């Protein structure tokens, strides 16, 4: 997993260098290079998240206390900008296990459980249109 994280980090660093250059002076070859890096990033993230979900989370669920689990959840929440929370949650809803999504929403107050998915749908639609040109990827 550490090797996967290093690969993702290296790709993010390379993208961070190339994107501003491409923004200033866009070119086909540079754009293709960036697209390729983003495809590699997607593949690396998908592999890493799959491994975390299938191998790490079951271990975590058996080895930590509820208090520690809540602390992990809070740390993850703090890692997401408030303005992006609805979008991120909708992304989780799009590809995540419905039971896990329900479990994540369960402790939230009723208005949050009701509004977040709705607001998230709108944010996700806007994001998908900007990125993919369609309302869903």
N, C-alpha and C. Protein backbone atom coordinates (compact mmCIF):
# COMPACT_ATOMS: atom_id res chain seq x y z
N UNK A 1 0.83 -1.19 0.00
CA UNK A 1 0.00 0.00 0.00
C UNK A 1 0.87 1.25 0.00
N UNK A 2 1.99 1.18 0.72
CA UNK A 2 2.89 2.33 0.73
C UNK A 2 3.41 2.61 -0.67
N UNK A 3 3.71 1.57 -1.44
CA UNK A 3 4.18 1.75 -2.82
C UNK A 3 3.08 2.41 -3.66
N UNK A 4 1.83 2.00 -3.44
CA UNK A 4 0.72 2.62 -4.17
C UNK A 4 0.62 4.10 -3.81
N UNK A 5 0.74 4.41 -2.52
CA UNK A 5 0.66 5.81 -2.09
C UNK A 5 1.80 6.63 -2.68
N UNK A 6 2.99 6.05 -2.75
CA UNK A 6 4.13 6.75 -3.35
C UNK A 6 3.89 7.00 -4.84
N UNK A 7 3.31 6.01 -5.52
CA UNK A 7 3.01 6.18 -6.95
C UNK A 7 1.99 7.31 -7.14
N UNK A 8 0.93 7.31 -6.36
CA UNK A 8 -0.10 8.35 -6.46
C UNK A 8 0.51 9.72 -6.16
N UNK A 9 1.33 9.79 -5.13
CA UNK A 9 1.98 11.06 -4.77
C UNK A 9 2.87 11.56 -5.90
N UNK A 10 3.65 10.66 -6.51
CA UNK A 10 4.53 11.06 -7.61
C UNK A 10 3.72 11.58 -8.79
N UNK A 11 2.61 10.93 -9.10
CA UNK A 11 1.75 11.39 -10.19
C UNK A 11 1.16 12.76 -9.88
N UNK A 12 0.68 12.94 -8.65
CA UNK A 12 0.12 14.24 -8.26
C UNK A 12 1.17 15.34 -8.35
N UNK A 13 2.38 15.05 -7.95
CA UNK A 13 3.45 16.04 -8.04
C UNK A 13 3.75 16.40 -9.49
N UNK A 14 3.82 15.40 -10.36
CA UNK A 14 4.09 15.66 -11.78
C UNK A 14 2.95 16.47 -12.39
N UNK A 15 1.73 16.12 -12.08
CA UNK A 15 0.57 16.86 -12.59
C UNK A 15 0.62 18.30 -12.09
N UNK A 16 0.97 18.50 -10.83
CA UNK A 16 1.03 19.85 -10.25
C UNK A 16 2.05 20.73 -10.97
N UNK A 17 3.11 20.13 -11.49
CA UNK A 17 4.12 20.89 -12.23
C UNK A 17 3.63 21.18 -13.65
N UNK A 18 3.07 20.18 -14.30
CA UNK A 18 2.70 20.32 -15.72
C UNK A 18 1.44 21.14 -15.95
N UNK A 19 0.47 21.04 -15.05
CA UNK A 19 -0.81 21.73 -15.28
C UNK A 19 -0.65 23.23 -15.43
N UNK A 20 0.09 23.92 -14.55
CA UNK A 20 0.25 25.37 -14.74
C UNK A 20 0.98 25.71 -16.05
N UNK A 21 1.95 24.89 -16.43
CA UNK A 21 2.65 25.11 -17.70
C UNK A 21 1.67 24.99 -18.86
N UNK A 22 0.85 23.95 -18.83
CA UNK A 22 -0.12 23.74 -19.90
C UNK A 22 -1.16 24.85 -19.91
N UNK A 23 -1.55 25.33 -18.73
CA UNK A 23 -2.54 26.42 -18.65
C UNK A 23 -1.99 27.69 -19.30
N UNK A 24 -0.71 27.97 -19.04
CA UNK A 24 -0.09 29.18 -19.63
C UNK A 24 0.09 29.05 -21.13
N UNK A 25 0.57 27.91 -21.58
CA UNK A 25 0.83 27.69 -23.01
C UNK A 25 0.33 26.31 -23.40
N UNK A 26 -0.97 26.21 -23.64
CA UNK A 26 -1.54 24.89 -23.96
C UNK A 26 -1.00 24.35 -25.28
N UNK A 27 -0.74 23.07 -25.29
CA UNK A 27 -0.33 22.41 -26.52
C UNK A 27 -0.89 21.00 -26.51
N UNK A 28 -1.07 20.46 -27.71
CA UNK A 28 -1.60 19.10 -27.83
C UNK A 28 -0.74 18.07 -27.13
N UNK A 29 0.56 18.06 -27.40
CA UNK A 29 1.40 17.05 -26.72
C UNK A 29 1.38 17.17 -25.20
N UNK A 30 1.41 18.40 -24.68
CA UNK A 30 1.39 18.59 -23.22
C UNK A 30 0.03 18.15 -22.67
N UNK A 31 -1.04 18.49 -23.39
CA UNK A 31 -2.37 18.06 -22.96
C UNK A 31 -2.51 16.55 -22.95
N UNK A 32 -1.94 15.88 -23.97
CA UNK A 32 -1.98 14.43 -24.01
C UNK A 32 -1.17 13.83 -22.86
N UNK A 33 -0.04 14.46 -22.55
CA UNK A 33 0.78 13.99 -21.43
C UNK A 33 -0.01 14.11 -20.12
N UNK A 34 -0.67 15.25 -19.92
CA UNK A 34 -1.48 15.43 -18.72
C UNK A 34 -2.63 14.44 -18.67
N UNK A 35 -3.29 14.22 -19.79
CA UNK A 35 -4.39 13.25 -19.83
C UNK A 35 -3.88 11.87 -19.45
N UNK A 36 -2.72 11.50 -19.97
CA UNK A 36 -2.14 10.19 -19.63
C UNK A 36 -1.82 10.08 -18.15
N UNK A 37 -1.28 11.17 -17.58
CA UNK A 37 -0.97 11.16 -16.15
C UNK A 37 -2.24 11.03 -15.32
N UNK A 38 -3.31 11.70 -15.74
CA UNK A 38 -4.58 11.60 -15.02
C UNK A 38 -5.16 10.19 -15.14
N UNK A 39 -5.00 9.55 -16.29
CA UNK A 39 -5.46 8.17 -16.43
C UNK A 39 -4.67 7.24 -15.51
N UNK A 40 -3.35 7.45 -15.44
CA UNK A 40 -2.52 6.65 -14.52
C UNK A 40 -2.94 6.90 -13.07
N UNK A 41 -3.23 8.17 -12.75
CA UNK A 41 -3.66 8.52 -11.40
C UNK A 41 -4.96 7.82 -11.06
N UNK A 42 -5.92 7.85 -11.99
CA UNK A 42 -7.19 7.18 -11.75
C UNK A 42 -6.98 5.69 -11.49
N UNK A 43 -6.18 5.06 -12.34
CA UNK A 43 -5.93 3.62 -12.19
C UNK A 43 -5.26 3.33 -10.84
N UNK A 44 -4.28 4.16 -10.46
CA UNK A 44 -3.59 3.97 -9.19
C UNK A 44 -4.51 4.17 -8.01
N UNK A 45 -5.35 5.19 -8.08
CA UNK A 45 -6.29 5.44 -6.98
C UNK A 45 -7.33 4.33 -6.88
N UNK A 46 -7.83 3.88 -8.02
CA UNK A 46 -8.83 2.80 -8.01
C UNK A 46 -8.23 1.54 -7.38
N UNK A 47 -7.00 1.22 -7.76
CA UNK A 47 -6.33 0.03 -7.20
C UNK A 47 -6.13 0.19 -5.69
N UNK A 48 -5.66 1.37 -5.29
CA UNK A 48 -5.39 1.61 -3.87
C UNK A 48 -6.68 1.57 -3.06
N UNK A 49 -7.72 2.23 -3.54
CA UNK A 49 -8.98 2.25 -2.79
C UNK A 49 -9.60 0.86 -2.70
N UNK A 50 -9.48 0.09 -3.77
CA UNK A 50 -9.99 -1.29 -3.75
C UNK A 50 -9.26 -2.10 -2.68
N UNK A 51 -7.94 -1.96 -2.64
CA UNK A 51 -7.15 -2.69 -1.65
C UNK A 51 -7.50 -2.25 -0.23
N UNK A 52 -7.66 -0.96 -0.05
CA UNK A 52 -8.01 -0.46 1.29
C UNK A 52 -9.38 -0.99 1.71
N UNK A 53 -10.32 -0.97 0.77
CA UNK A 53 -11.68 -1.40 1.11
C UNK A 53 -11.75 -2.90 1.38
N UNK A 54 -11.03 -3.70 0.60
CA UNK A 54 -11.15 -5.15 0.74
C UNK A 54 -10.19 -5.75 1.75
N UNK A 55 -9.02 -5.11 1.95
CA UNK A 55 -8.02 -5.71 2.85
C UNK A 55 -7.84 -4.95 4.16
N UNK A 56 -7.82 -3.63 4.08
CA UNK A 56 -7.48 -2.84 5.27
C UNK A 56 -8.71 -2.61 6.15
N UNK A 57 -9.79 -2.13 5.59
CA UNK A 57 -10.96 -1.80 6.41
C UNK A 57 -11.50 -2.99 7.21
N UNK A 58 -11.54 -4.20 6.65
CA UNK A 58 -11.98 -5.33 7.50
C UNK A 58 -11.06 -5.54 8.71
N UNK A 59 -9.76 -5.33 8.53
CA UNK A 59 -8.83 -5.43 9.67
C UNK A 59 -9.08 -4.32 10.67
N UNK A 60 -9.26 -3.12 10.15
CA UNK A 60 -9.50 -1.98 11.03
C UNK A 60 -10.76 -2.21 11.85
N UNK A 61 -11.80 -2.68 11.18
CA UNK A 61 -13.08 -2.90 11.88
C UNK A 61 -12.95 -3.89 13.03
N UNK A 62 -12.04 -4.85 12.90
CA UNK A 62 -11.85 -5.85 13.95
C UNK A 62 -10.86 -5.41 15.02
N UNK A 63 -10.01 -4.42 14.72
CA UNK A 63 -8.88 -4.13 15.61
C UNK A 63 -8.96 -2.81 16.36
N UNK A 64 -9.93 -1.96 16.05
CA UNK A 64 -9.98 -0.69 16.76
C UNK A 64 -11.32 -0.55 17.48
N UNK A 65 -11.32 0.31 18.46
CA UNK A 65 -12.53 0.55 19.24
C UNK A 65 -13.47 1.48 18.48
N UNK A 66 -14.71 1.55 18.94
CA UNK A 66 -15.66 2.47 18.31
C UNK A 66 -15.16 3.91 18.43
N UNK A 67 -14.58 4.26 19.57
CA UNK A 67 -14.05 5.61 19.77
C UNK A 67 -12.95 5.91 18.75
N UNK A 68 -12.07 4.94 18.52
CA UNK A 68 -10.99 5.13 17.54
C UNK A 68 -11.56 5.24 16.13
N UNK A 69 -12.60 4.44 15.83
CA UNK A 69 -13.24 4.50 14.52
C UNK A 69 -13.86 5.89 14.30
N UNK A 70 -14.52 6.41 15.31
CA UNK A 70 -15.11 7.74 15.20
C UNK A 70 -14.04 8.80 15.00
N UNK A 71 -12.89 8.64 15.66
CA UNK A 71 -11.78 9.59 15.48
C UNK A 71 -11.25 9.52 14.04
N UNK A 72 -11.16 8.33 13.46
CA UNK A 72 -10.74 8.19 12.07
C UNK A 72 -11.74 8.87 11.13
N UNK A 73 -13.02 8.64 11.39
CA UNK A 73 -14.05 9.26 10.56
C UNK A 73 -13.96 10.78 10.63
N UNK A 74 -13.74 11.30 11.83
CA UNK A 74 -13.64 12.75 12.00
C UNK A 74 -12.40 13.29 11.29
N UNK A 75 -11.29 12.57 11.37
CA UNK A 75 -10.07 13.01 10.68
C UNK A 75 -10.30 13.03 9.17
N UNK A 76 -11.00 12.04 8.65
CA UNK A 76 -11.31 12.02 7.22
C UNK A 76 -12.21 13.16 6.83
N UNK A 77 -13.19 13.45 7.66
CA UNK A 77 -14.11 14.56 7.38
C UNK A 77 -13.37 15.88 7.36
N UNK A 78 -12.45 16.06 8.29
CA UNK A 78 -11.68 17.31 8.35
C UNK A 78 -10.77 17.48 7.14
N UNK A 79 -10.46 16.38 6.46
CA UNK A 79 -9.61 16.44 5.29
C UNK A 79 -10.33 16.90 4.03
N UNK A 80 -11.64 17.13 4.13
CA UNK A 80 -12.43 17.56 2.98
C UNK A 80 -12.92 18.99 3.24
N UNK A 81 -12.65 19.87 2.29
CA UNK A 81 -13.12 21.26 2.42
C UNK A 81 -14.64 21.28 2.54
N UNK A 82 -15.15 22.11 3.41
CA UNK A 82 -16.60 22.17 3.67
C UNK A 82 -17.41 22.36 2.38
N UNK A 83 -16.90 23.20 1.49
CA UNK A 83 -17.64 23.48 0.25
C UNK A 83 -17.67 22.26 -0.69
N UNK A 84 -16.79 21.29 -0.44
CA UNK A 84 -16.71 20.10 -1.30
C UNK A 84 -17.40 18.88 -0.69
N UNK A 85 -17.88 18.98 0.53
CA UNK A 85 -18.42 17.80 1.22
C UNK A 85 -19.58 17.14 0.49
N UNK A 86 -20.52 17.93 -0.01
CA UNK A 86 -21.67 17.34 -0.70
C UNK A 86 -21.22 16.60 -1.96
N UNK A 87 -20.30 17.21 -2.71
CA UNK A 87 -19.79 16.57 -3.91
C UNK A 87 -19.07 15.27 -3.56
N UNK A 88 -18.19 15.32 -2.58
CA UNK A 88 -17.43 14.12 -2.19
C UNK A 88 -18.38 13.03 -1.71
N UNK A 89 -19.37 13.40 -0.92
CA UNK A 89 -20.31 12.39 -0.44
C UNK A 89 -21.09 11.77 -1.60
N UNK A 90 -21.48 12.60 -2.56
CA UNK A 90 -22.22 12.07 -3.72
C UNK A 90 -21.32 11.15 -4.54
N UNK A 91 -20.02 11.47 -4.62
CA UNK A 91 -19.09 10.58 -5.31
C UNK A 91 -19.04 9.22 -4.60
N UNK A 92 -19.04 9.26 -3.28
CA UNK A 92 -19.07 8.02 -2.51
C UNK A 92 -20.36 7.25 -2.78
N UNK A 93 -21.46 7.98 -2.86
CA UNK A 93 -22.74 7.35 -3.14
C UNK A 93 -22.75 6.72 -4.54
N UNK A 94 -22.11 7.38 -5.49
CA UNK A 94 -22.09 6.90 -6.87
C UNK A 94 -21.43 5.53 -6.98
N UNK A 95 -20.29 5.37 -6.32
CA UNK A 95 -19.50 4.16 -6.49
C UNK A 95 -19.44 3.27 -5.25
N UNK A 96 -19.94 3.77 -4.13
CA UNK A 96 -19.79 3.02 -2.89
C UNK A 96 -20.88 1.99 -2.65
N UNK A 97 -20.63 1.18 -1.67
CA UNK A 97 -21.58 0.17 -1.23
C UNK A 97 -22.74 0.89 -0.54
N UNK A 98 -23.99 0.68 -0.99
CA UNK A 98 -25.13 1.36 -0.38
C UNK A 98 -25.24 1.16 1.13
N UNK A 99 -24.84 -0.03 1.62
CA UNK A 99 -24.90 -0.28 3.06
C UNK A 99 -23.90 0.60 3.80
N UNK A 100 -22.72 0.79 3.22
CA UNK A 100 -21.71 1.62 3.85
C UNK A 100 -22.17 3.08 3.84
N UNK A 101 -22.75 3.51 2.73
CA UNK A 101 -23.25 4.89 2.63
C UNK A 101 -24.33 5.11 3.68
N UNK A 102 -25.24 4.17 3.83
CA UNK A 102 -26.31 4.28 4.84
C UNK A 102 -25.71 4.34 6.24
N UNK A 103 -24.67 3.53 6.48
CA UNK A 103 -24.01 3.53 7.79
C UNK A 103 -23.35 4.89 8.06
N UNK A 104 -22.78 5.49 7.00
CA UNK A 104 -22.13 6.79 7.17
C UNK A 104 -23.15 7.87 7.50
N UNK A 105 -24.33 7.79 6.90
CA UNK A 105 -25.37 8.79 7.14
C UNK A 105 -26.14 8.57 8.43
N UNK A 106 -26.17 7.36 8.93
CA UNK A 106 -27.01 7.00 10.07
C UNK A 106 -26.86 7.92 11.28
N UNK A 107 -25.64 8.30 11.70
CA UNK A 107 -25.56 9.13 12.90
C UNK A 107 -25.91 10.61 12.67
N UNK A 108 -26.07 10.99 11.41
CA UNK A 108 -26.36 12.40 11.12
C UNK A 108 -27.81 12.73 11.47
N UNK A 109 -28.09 13.98 11.83
CA UNK A 109 -29.48 14.39 12.08
C UNK A 109 -30.33 14.21 10.82
N UNK A 110 -31.62 14.05 11.00
CA UNK A 110 -32.53 13.81 9.88
C UNK A 110 -32.37 14.83 8.75
N UNK A 111 -32.32 16.13 9.03
CA UNK A 111 -32.17 17.08 7.92
C UNK A 111 -30.89 16.83 7.10
N UNK A 112 -29.81 16.48 7.76
CA UNK A 112 -28.55 16.20 7.05
C UNK A 112 -28.70 14.95 6.20
N UNK A 113 -29.29 13.89 6.78
CA UNK A 113 -29.49 12.65 6.03
C UNK A 113 -30.35 12.87 4.79
N UNK A 114 -31.25 13.83 4.87
CA UNK A 114 -32.16 14.10 3.76
C UNK A 114 -31.53 15.05 2.74
N UNK A 115 -30.89 16.11 3.23
CA UNK A 115 -30.39 17.14 2.33
C UNK A 115 -29.07 16.81 1.64
N UNK A 116 -28.16 16.18 2.34
CA UNK A 116 -26.83 15.93 1.75
C UNK A 116 -26.94 15.14 0.44
N UNK A 117 -27.69 14.04 0.38
CA UNK A 117 -27.79 13.35 -0.91
C UNK A 117 -28.38 14.22 -2.02
N UNK A 118 -29.36 15.04 -1.68
CA UNK A 118 -29.99 15.90 -2.70
C UNK A 118 -29.03 16.99 -3.17
N UNK A 119 -28.40 17.67 -2.24
CA UNK A 119 -27.44 18.72 -2.59
C UNK A 119 -26.25 18.10 -3.33
N UNK A 120 -25.86 16.93 -2.88
CA UNK A 120 -24.75 16.22 -3.52
C UNK A 120 -25.04 15.87 -4.96
N UNK A 121 -26.29 15.47 -5.25
CA UNK A 121 -26.66 15.14 -6.63
C UNK A 121 -26.45 16.34 -7.54
N UNK A 122 -26.86 17.51 -7.07
CA UNK A 122 -26.71 18.73 -7.87
C UNK A 122 -25.23 19.06 -8.07
N UNK A 123 -24.46 18.99 -7.01
CA UNK A 123 -23.02 19.27 -7.10
C UNK A 123 -22.34 18.26 -8.02
N UNK A 124 -22.74 16.99 -7.90
CA UNK A 124 -22.13 15.94 -8.72
C UNK A 124 -22.47 16.15 -10.19
N UNK A 125 -23.71 16.48 -10.47
CA UNK A 125 -24.15 16.73 -11.85
C UNK A 125 -23.32 17.86 -12.46
N UNK A 126 -23.16 18.95 -11.72
CA UNK A 126 -22.39 20.10 -12.20
C UNK A 126 -20.92 19.70 -12.44
N UNK A 127 -20.37 18.96 -11.51
CA UNK A 127 -18.98 18.50 -11.63
C UNK A 127 -18.82 17.57 -12.85
N UNK A 128 -19.72 16.61 -12.99
CA UNK A 128 -19.64 15.66 -14.10
C UNK A 128 -19.78 16.38 -15.44
N UNK A 129 -20.68 17.35 -15.52
CA UNK A 129 -20.82 18.12 -16.77
C UNK A 129 -19.52 18.85 -17.11
N UNK A 130 -18.90 19.45 -16.11
CA UNK A 130 -17.65 20.18 -16.34
C UNK A 130 -16.52 19.26 -16.74
N UNK A 131 -16.45 18.09 -16.13
CA UNK A 131 -15.34 17.17 -16.38
C UNK A 131 -15.59 16.25 -17.58
N UNK A 132 -16.79 15.68 -17.64
CA UNK A 132 -17.07 14.64 -18.64
C UNK A 132 -17.98 15.12 -19.77
N UNK A 133 -18.64 16.26 -19.58
CA UNK A 133 -19.59 16.73 -20.60
C UNK A 133 -20.93 16.04 -20.51
N UNK A 134 -21.12 15.21 -19.49
CA UNK A 134 -22.40 14.52 -19.26
C UNK A 134 -22.73 14.61 -17.79
N UNK A 135 -23.96 14.31 -17.43
CA UNK A 135 -24.37 14.42 -16.03
C UNK A 135 -23.81 13.30 -15.15
N UNK A 136 -23.34 12.23 -15.76
CA UNK A 136 -22.67 11.16 -15.03
C UNK A 136 -21.46 10.74 -15.84
N UNK A 137 -20.44 10.21 -15.19
CA UNK A 137 -19.24 9.79 -15.94
C UNK A 137 -19.52 8.65 -16.91
